[in-house]
Amino acid sequence: MTDVRITHIGGPTTLIEVEGWCLLTDPTFDPPGRRYSFGWGTASTKVAGPSIPVSALPRIDAVLLTHDHHADNLDDAGRALLSSARTVVTTVAGARRLGGDAVGLAPWSVQSLEKAGLPTVEITATPCRHGPPLSRPITGEVTGFALRWPGQQHGALWISGDTVLYDGVREVGSRIDVGTVVLHLGAVQFNVTGPLKYTMSGPDGVELCELLEPHTVIPVHYEGWSHFTQGRDTIEEAFSRASADVRDALTWLTPGAPKVLSV
C-alpha cells in the first residue's frame, strides 16, 4: 500500500506527493478579481486565490497540465512556473504551443517519469471532451491523466480533467482500474451558450463513479470561478443519493491542508 499526500491548492490545482515525487496539476496562482476571456464570447472571473503561494511549493518534478488554453487551468502565474518544473505533460496541441521540452500525449498514450532512486510513475493520457458534441474545435484539446506506480493497492490515481460525461470518459472504467479519482466538476455554463454544459455536474460525477467504483473520490474545480453553476452543496446532495460504496468514497480536501490517503 502506498500513501499519497494530496493538497488542494484551489480550482483544479493540486499538489500530489508520492514516493519522493512532487507532481502539480493545472497550476493556477493568480490573485482573485480578474476577468478572463475563454474565446467565442465566453469569460469568467476568478473569485478566490490560491491557498498556497508559488513560493511555498517544493521543487516540482512534473506539471500535469490538462490543457493550456484556458486561464482557469493555466493562468499567468502558473505559466511562469512551468519553466521551473523538470517536466510538463499536456495535450499534443498544448505541447506545440508551449514549446520547449513539454511532452504532448494523445488519448491512451503513455509517458513514464523516471528518476534515480524513485519508482517509475506511468502516466496514461485519458480522453476528455470539454463541452457538448462537436464542440472540440471550439473548446480545444483537453486530457486526463491516470497515474500508476508500484505498490498501489486500490488502483490508479486518475485526474479526470475538464470534461463532460460522454463515452470517451466512460471508457476509462473499462480500460483502467481506478482507485482514486480527482474529479473535475462544477457544471460550467456561460450565458452566451445557455444551458450547454462544459464540465460534469454532481449527478454526472455520481454516474461515472458508479461505473468506476473507486476507493476515493476527490472533487476539485467546482469553486473559485464565476462560471461554475454547482458547488459543494450540490455535489454532496448528488452523492448522498449514490450507492453506499460511492457515497462513502467521497472525500473533501480543505484547500491548503495536505491530506494523506492510502492508494
Protein backbone atom coordinates (compact mmCIF):
# COMPACT_ATOMS: atom_id res chain seq x y z
CA MET A 1 0.00 0.00 0.00
CA THR A 2 1.26 3.47 -0.89
CA ASP A 3 0.47 6.66 0.97
CA VAL A 4 -0.04 9.77 -1.13
CA ARG A 5 -0.11 13.31 0.23
CA ILE A 6 -2.53 15.49 -1.73
CA THR A 7 -3.01 19.21 -1.22
CA HIS A 8 -5.84 21.05 -2.95
CA ILE A 9 -4.42 24.49 -3.72
CA GLY A 10 -7.58 25.79 -5.40
CA GLY A 11 -9.61 25.30 -8.56
CA PRO A 12 -8.04 22.40 -10.49
CA THR A 13 -4.64 22.84 -8.85
CA THR A 14 -3.44 20.00 -6.62
CA LEU A 15 -0.03 19.03 -5.31
CA ILE A 16 0.48 15.26 -5.33
CA GLU A 17 3.44 13.96 -3.33
CA VAL A 18 4.19 10.25 -3.57
CA GLU A 19 7.29 8.11 -3.11
CA GLY A 20 9.59 11.14 -3.41
CA TRP A 21 7.81 12.58 -6.47
CA CYS A 22 6.22 16.07 -6.44
CA LEU A 23 3.55 16.45 -9.11
CA LEU A 24 1.42 19.54 -9.71
CA THR A 25 -1.82 19.63 -11.68
CA ASP A 26 -3.08 22.62 -13.69
CA PRO A 27 -1.14 25.45 -11.97
CA THR A 28 -3.31 28.50 -11.21
CA PHE A 29 -1.74 31.04 -8.86
CA ASP A 30 -3.05 34.44 -9.98
CA PRO A 31 -4.80 36.55 -7.32
CA PRO A 32 -8.61 36.85 -7.49
CA GLY A 33 -10.56 39.66 -9.11
CA ARG A 34 -9.58 39.44 -12.76
CA ARG A 35 -11.95 38.51 -15.58
CA TYR A 36 -10.52 36.18 -18.24
CA SER A 37 -11.80 35.58 -21.75
CA PHE A 38 -12.07 31.99 -22.95
CA GLY A 39 -12.99 32.93 -26.52
CA TRP A 40 -16.21 32.86 -28.56
CA GLY A 41 -17.88 35.28 -26.16
CA THR A 42 -17.24 33.23 -23.03
CA ALA A 43 -15.49 34.63 -19.95
CA SER A 44 -15.19 34.09 -16.21
CA THR A 45 -13.97 35.99 -13.14
CA LYS A 46 -11.59 34.43 -10.66
CA VAL A 47 -13.19 34.91 -7.24
CA ALA A 48 -10.75 33.05 -4.97
CA GLY A 49 -6.97 32.97 -4.89
CA PRO A 50 -4.66 30.01 -4.26
CA SER A 51 -4.41 28.63 -0.73
CA ILE A 52 -0.64 28.26 -1.12
CA PRO A 53 1.70 30.70 -2.92
CA VAL A 54 4.15 29.53 -5.56
CA SER A 55 7.00 30.35 -3.17
CA ALA A 56 5.78 27.67 -0.74
CA LEU A 57 5.87 24.84 -3.28
CA PRO A 58 8.56 22.15 -3.24
CA ARG A 59 10.61 21.54 -6.37
CA ILE A 60 8.11 20.26 -8.93
CA ASP A 61 9.13 17.14 -10.84
CA ALA A 62 6.23 17.26 -13.30
CA VAL A 63 3.33 19.53 -14.13
CA LEU A 64 0.32 17.57 -15.33
CA LEU A 65 -1.48 20.14 -17.45
CA THR A 66 -4.89 19.05 -18.69
CA HIS A 67 -4.93 22.00 -21.10
CA ASP A 68 -3.03 25.22 -21.55
CA HIS A 69 -5.51 27.48 -23.32
CA HIS A 70 -7.99 28.34 -20.52
CA ALA A 71 -6.86 30.57 -17.68
CA ASP A 72 -8.80 28.64 -15.05
CA ASN A 73 -6.39 25.76 -15.71
CA LEU A 74 -3.23 27.72 -16.53
CA ASP A 75 -3.10 31.38 -15.57
CA ASP A 76 -0.22 33.85 -15.87
CA ALA A 77 1.48 32.91 -12.60
CA GLY A 78 1.03 29.23 -13.37
CA ARG A 79 2.52 29.68 -16.82
CA ALA A 80 5.57 31.38 -15.30
CA LEU A 81 6.04 28.35 -13.05
CA LEU A 82 6.30 25.87 -15.92
CA SER A 83 9.94 26.62 -16.69
CA SER A 84 10.99 25.59 -13.18
CA ALA A 85 9.40 22.12 -13.43
CA ARG A 86 11.51 19.24 -14.64
CA THR A 87 8.75 18.02 -16.98
CA VAL A 88 5.46 19.35 -18.35
CA VAL A 89 2.98 16.78 -19.68
CA THR A 90 -0.07 18.02 -21.57
CA THR A 91 -2.06 17.62 -24.80
CA VAL A 92 -0.39 17.32 -28.19
CA ALA A 93 -1.69 20.76 -29.24
CA GLY A 94 -0.66 22.24 -25.89
CA ALA A 95 2.88 20.92 -26.19
CA ARG A 96 3.19 22.57 -29.60
CA ARG A 97 2.04 25.90 -28.17
CA LEU A 98 4.24 25.69 -25.08
CA GLY A 99 7.33 24.55 -26.94
CA GLY A 100 10.50 23.70 -25.06
CA ASP A 101 10.51 20.24 -23.52
CA ALA A 102 6.75 19.92 -22.99
CA VAL A 103 5.50 16.40 -23.71
CA GLY A 104 2.24 16.07 -25.63
CA LEU A 105 0.15 12.94 -25.17
CA ALA A 106 -2.71 11.74 -27.36
CA PRO A 107 -5.51 9.78 -25.65
CA TRP A 108 -4.32 6.40 -24.31
CA SER A 109 -0.66 7.13 -24.98
CA VAL A 110 1.80 6.64 -22.13
CA GLN A 111 4.72 8.60 -20.70
CA SER A 112 6.94 7.40 -17.86
CA LEU A 113 8.54 9.59 -15.23
CA GLU A 114 11.89 8.22 -14.15
CA LYS A 115 14.44 9.48 -11.64
CA ALA A 116 17.29 7.70 -9.90
CA GLY A 117 16.24 6.20 -6.59
CA LEU A 118 12.49 6.69 -7.15
CA PRO A 119 9.86 4.30 -8.51
CA THR A 120 8.75 4.88 -12.09
CA VAL A 121 5.43 6.70 -12.47
CA GLU A 122 3.49 5.69 -15.58
CA ILE A 123 1.19 8.39 -16.98
CA THR A 124 -1.63 7.38 -19.33
CA ALA A 125 -3.50 10.16 -21.11
CA THR A 126 -7.27 9.71 -20.98
CA PRO A 127 -10.00 11.19 -23.21
CA CYS A 128 -11.83 14.43 -22.44
CA ARG A 129 -14.45 16.50 -24.23
CA HIS A 130 -14.72 19.98 -22.75
CA GLY A 131 -18.27 20.63 -23.92
CA PRO A 132 -21.23 19.30 -25.91
CA PRO A 133 -20.92 17.13 -29.04
CA LEU A 134 -18.94 18.74 -31.88
CA SER A 135 -17.51 21.40 -29.53
CA ARG A 136 -13.89 20.23 -29.58
CA PRO A 137 -12.83 22.53 -32.47
CA ILE A 138 -14.05 25.45 -30.33
CA THR A 139 -13.16 24.34 -26.79
CA GLY A 140 -9.86 22.73 -27.79
CA GLU A 141 -7.98 19.62 -26.72
CA VAL A 142 -8.10 18.53 -23.08
CA THR A 143 -6.68 15.43 -21.44
CA GLY A 144 -6.96 13.49 -18.22
CA PHE A 145 -4.11 11.56 -16.59
CA ALA A 146 -4.08 8.12 -14.97
CA LEU A 147 -1.03 7.62 -12.75
CA ARG A 148 0.33 4.22 -11.83
CA TRP A 149 3.37 3.19 -9.81
CA PRO A 150 4.46 0.05 -7.93
CA GLY A 151 2.70 -0.67 -4.66
CA GLN A 152 -0.75 0.75 -5.42
CA GLN A 153 -3.37 -1.32 -3.60
CA HIS A 154 -6.61 0.22 -4.83
CA GLY A 155 -5.70 1.09 -8.42
CA ALA A 156 -4.54 4.07 -10.45
CA LEU A 157 -4.84 7.69 -9.39
CA TRP A 158 -6.88 9.36 -12.12
CA ILE A 159 -7.20 13.10 -12.76
CA SER A 160 -10.33 13.42 -14.89
CA GLY A 161 -9.57 16.79 -16.49
CA ASP A 162 -12.25 19.26 -17.60
CA THR A 163 -14.80 17.13 -19.41
CA VAL A 164 -18.46 16.37 -19.75
CA LEU A 165 -19.71 12.83 -19.22
CA TYR A 166 -19.52 11.00 -22.56
CA ASP A 167 -18.38 7.66 -23.94
CA GLY A 168 -14.68 8.60 -24.02
CA VAL A 169 -14.70 9.17 -20.26
CA ARG A 170 -16.79 6.07 -19.61
CA GLU A 171 -14.14 4.09 -21.48
CA VAL A 172 -11.71 4.82 -18.64
CA GLY A 173 -13.73 2.46 -16.48
CA SER A 174 -13.27 -0.42 -18.91
CA ARG A 175 -9.55 0.16 -19.54
CA ILE A 176 -8.12 1.30 -16.20
CA ASP A 177 -8.62 0.09 -12.65
CA VAL A 178 -9.17 3.45 -10.93
CA GLY A 179 -8.59 3.57 -7.19
CA THR A 180 -8.56 7.33 -6.59
CA VAL A 181 -10.20 9.92 -8.83
CA VAL A 182 -9.51 13.65 -8.69
CA LEU A 183 -12.82 14.63 -10.23
CA HIS A 184 -13.30 17.94 -12.05
CA LEU A 185 -16.91 19.03 -11.52
CA GLY A 186 -18.74 22.38 -11.26
CA ALA A 187 -21.12 22.09 -14.25
CA VAL A 188 -19.58 25.03 -16.11
CA GLN A 189 -22.04 27.14 -18.13
CA PHE A 190 -21.89 30.51 -19.88
CA ASN A 191 -24.70 32.97 -20.54
CA VAL A 192 -23.84 33.15 -24.22
CA THR A 193 -24.40 29.39 -24.72
CA GLY A 194 -27.40 28.95 -22.43
CA PRO A 195 -27.96 25.50 -20.88
CA LEU A 196 -24.96 23.83 -22.52
CA LYS A 197 -22.52 22.34 -20.01
CA TYR A 198 -18.74 22.27 -20.34
CA THR A 199 -17.82 20.14 -17.30
CA MET A 200 -19.55 17.44 -15.31
CA SER A 201 -22.33 18.11 -12.82
CA GLY A 202 -22.69 16.35 -9.48
CA PRO A 203 -25.08 13.73 -10.91
CA ASP A 204 -22.69 13.18 -13.84
CA GLY A 205 -19.90 12.56 -11.35
CA VAL A 206 -22.04 10.06 -9.48
CA GLU A 207 -22.91 8.20 -12.68
CA LEU A 208 -19.25 7.99 -13.64
CA CYS A 209 -18.17 6.84 -10.19
CA GLU A 210 -20.85 4.13 -10.12
CA LEU A 211 -19.11 2.80 -13.23
CA LEU A 212 -15.53 3.23 -11.95
CA GLU A 213 -16.15 2.01 -8.38
CA PRO A 214 -13.16 3.95 -6.99
CA HIS A 215 -11.92 3.70 -3.43
CA THR A 216 -11.62 7.51 -3.10
CA VAL A 217 -13.34 10.39 -4.92
CA ILE A 218 -11.86 13.89 -4.53
CA PRO A 219 -13.92 16.73 -6.07
CA VAL A 220 -11.94 19.70 -7.42
CA HIS A 221 -12.52 22.57 -9.83
CA TYR A 222 -16.01 23.35 -8.60
CA GLU A 223 -15.15 26.63 -6.81
CA GLY A 224 -13.17 29.83 -7.19
CA TRP A 225 -14.60 30.98 -10.54
CA SER A 226 -17.83 32.63 -11.62
CA HIS A 227 -18.59 30.16 -14.43
CA PHE A 228 -19.35 27.27 -12.06
CA THR A 229 -23.04 26.60 -11.53
CA GLN A 230 -22.67 23.84 -8.90
CA GLY A 231 -20.68 24.00 -5.69
CA ARG A 232 -20.03 21.70 -2.77
CA ASP A 233 -23.64 21.62 -1.53
CA THR A 234 -24.96 20.43 -4.89
CA ILE A 235 -22.22 17.83 -5.25
CA GLU A 236 -22.85 16.50 -1.73
CA GLU A 237 -26.56 16.24 -2.45
CA ALA A 238 -25.90 14.23 -5.62
CA PHE A 239 -23.52 11.85 -3.87
CA SER A 240 -25.96 11.40 -0.97
CA ARG A 241 -28.20 9.56 -3.44
CA ALA A 242 -25.40 7.33 -4.75
CA SER A 243 -24.76 3.72 -3.79
CA ALA A 244 -23.20 3.24 -0.38
CA ASP A 245 -19.74 2.49 -1.78
CA VAL A 246 -19.68 5.62 -3.95
CA ARG A 247 -21.20 7.76 -1.21
CA ASP A 248 -18.54 6.59 1.23
CA ALA A 249 -15.75 7.19 -1.29
CA LEU A 250 -16.44 10.95 -1.42
CA THR A 251 -13.52 12.78 0.22
CA TRP A 252 -13.26 16.55 0.60
CA LEU A 253 -9.92 18.33 0.82
CA THR A 254 -9.56 21.58 2.74
CA PRO A 255 -7.62 23.97 0.45
CA GLY A 256 -4.08 24.37 1.69
CA ALA A 257 -4.26 21.46 4.13
CA PRO A 258 -2.40 18.33 2.98
CA LYS A 259 -4.27 15.04 3.34
CA VAL A 260 -2.59 11.64 3.39
CA LEU A 261 -4.50 8.93 1.55
CA SER A 262 -3.83 5.25 1.00
CA VAL A 263 -3.97 4.29 -2.67
